[in-house]
Amino acid sequence: MNQTQSSIFTVDAMGKPCPMPLLMLKRALKSTSPQQTICVRASDPHSEIDILRYCEIHHLTCHVTQPSENEYCYMVEKNA
């Protein structure tokens, strides 16, 4: 495993309705180090609004991808 892979913490929120993906992200933010990127996998399309707004308010960098029709991936980075 290389440095990049080891610094990603994955949160699997697939099949969980809102607001669970956001709550799981908040929990992960408390338990990870500042160097780790958090990848939240979610299937609820409404999670995009919740997670992006939360990241904006808390000055977190978030990149969204949609690997498939029913999957959203949020890469959240803590800003120093």
Protein backbone atom coordinates (compact mmCIF):
# COMPACT_ATOMS: atom_id res chain seq x y z
CA MET A 1 0.00 0.00 0.00
CA ASN A 2 1.43 3.36 -0.94
CA GLN A 3 1.33 6.66 0.99
CA THR A 4 -1.71 7.96 -0.91
CA GLN A 5 -3.83 4.87 -0.29
CA SER A 6 -2.98 4.73 3.41
CA SER A 7 -4.03 8.36 3.96
CA ILE A 8 -7.62 7.78 2.78
CA PHE A 9 -10.27 6.85 5.34
CA THR A 10 -13.38 5.35 3.71
CA VAL A 11 -16.89 5.81 5.09
CA ASP A 12 -19.46 3.45 3.58
CA ALA A 13 -22.87 5.11 3.73
CA MET A 14 -24.33 3.13 0.83
CA GLY A 15 -28.02 2.37 1.37
CA LYS A 16 -28.34 4.83 4.25
CA PRO A 17 -30.81 7.73 3.86
CA CYS A 18 -30.02 11.32 4.74
CA PRO A 19 -28.84 12.58 7.13
CA MET A 20 -26.79 9.43 7.90
CA PRO A 21 -24.01 10.06 5.31
CA LEU A 22 -23.43 13.52 6.84
CA LEU A 23 -23.50 12.17 10.40
CA MET A 24 -21.03 9.45 9.44
CA LEU A 25 -18.75 12.09 7.87
CA LYS A 26 -18.85 14.17 11.06
CA ARG A 27 -17.89 11.12 13.12
CA ALA A 28 -15.03 10.34 10.73
CA LEU A 29 -13.74 13.92 10.91
CA LYS A 30 -13.41 13.58 14.68
CA SER A 31 -11.58 10.26 14.51
CA THR A 32 -9.09 10.90 11.69
CA SER A 33 -5.81 12.75 11.60
CA PRO A 34 -5.45 16.08 9.75
CA GLN A 35 -3.40 14.35 7.02
CA GLN A 36 -6.13 11.89 6.11
CA THR A 37 -8.61 12.36 3.31
CA ILE A 38 -12.08 10.99 3.98
CA CYS A 39 -13.93 9.23 1.18
CA VAL A 40 -17.67 9.06 1.81
CA ARG A 41 -19.53 6.60 -0.43
CA ALA A 42 -23.27 7.28 -0.47
CA SER A 43 -26.27 6.23 -2.52
CA ASP A 44 -28.75 8.93 -1.43
CA PRO A 45 -28.74 11.76 -4.00
CA HIS A 46 -29.77 14.25 -1.30
CA SER A 47 -26.47 13.63 0.49
CA GLU A 48 -24.77 15.93 -2.02
CA ILE A 49 -26.62 19.00 -0.74
CA ASP A 50 -25.94 18.14 2.92
CA ILE A 51 -22.27 17.24 2.56
CA LEU A 52 -21.30 20.09 0.23
CA ARG A 53 -23.02 22.68 2.43
CA TYR A 54 -21.40 21.27 5.59
CA CYS A 55 -17.96 21.35 3.94
CA GLU A 56 -18.50 24.93 2.78
CA ILE A 57 -19.52 26.10 6.26
CA HIS A 58 -16.58 24.33 7.92
CA HIS A 59 -13.99 25.28 5.27
CA LEU A 60 -13.35 21.72 4.15
CA THR A 61 -12.33 20.87 0.61
CA CYS A 62 -14.75 18.44 -1.04
CA HIS A 63 -14.55 16.86 -4.49
CA VAL A 64 -17.61 14.96 -5.72
CA THR A 65 -17.66 12.17 -8.27
CA GLN A 66 -20.47 9.91 -9.37
CA PRO A 67 -18.93 6.52 -10.29
CA SER A 68 -22.35 5.08 -11.16
CA GLU A 69 -25.98 6.15 -11.34
CA ASN A 70 -26.60 5.18 -7.70
CA GLU A 71 -23.25 6.03 -6.11
CA TYR A 72 -21.75 9.32 -5.02
CA CYS A 73 -18.20 9.64 -3.75
CA TYR A 74 -17.16 12.65 -1.67
CA MET A 75 -13.44 13.18 -1.10
CA VAL A 76 -13.19 15.46 1.94
CA GLU A 77 -9.92 17.05 3.01
CA LYS A 78 -9.31 18.89 6.24
CA ASN A 79 -7.75 22.28 5.59
CA ALA A 80 -4.93 23.29 7.89
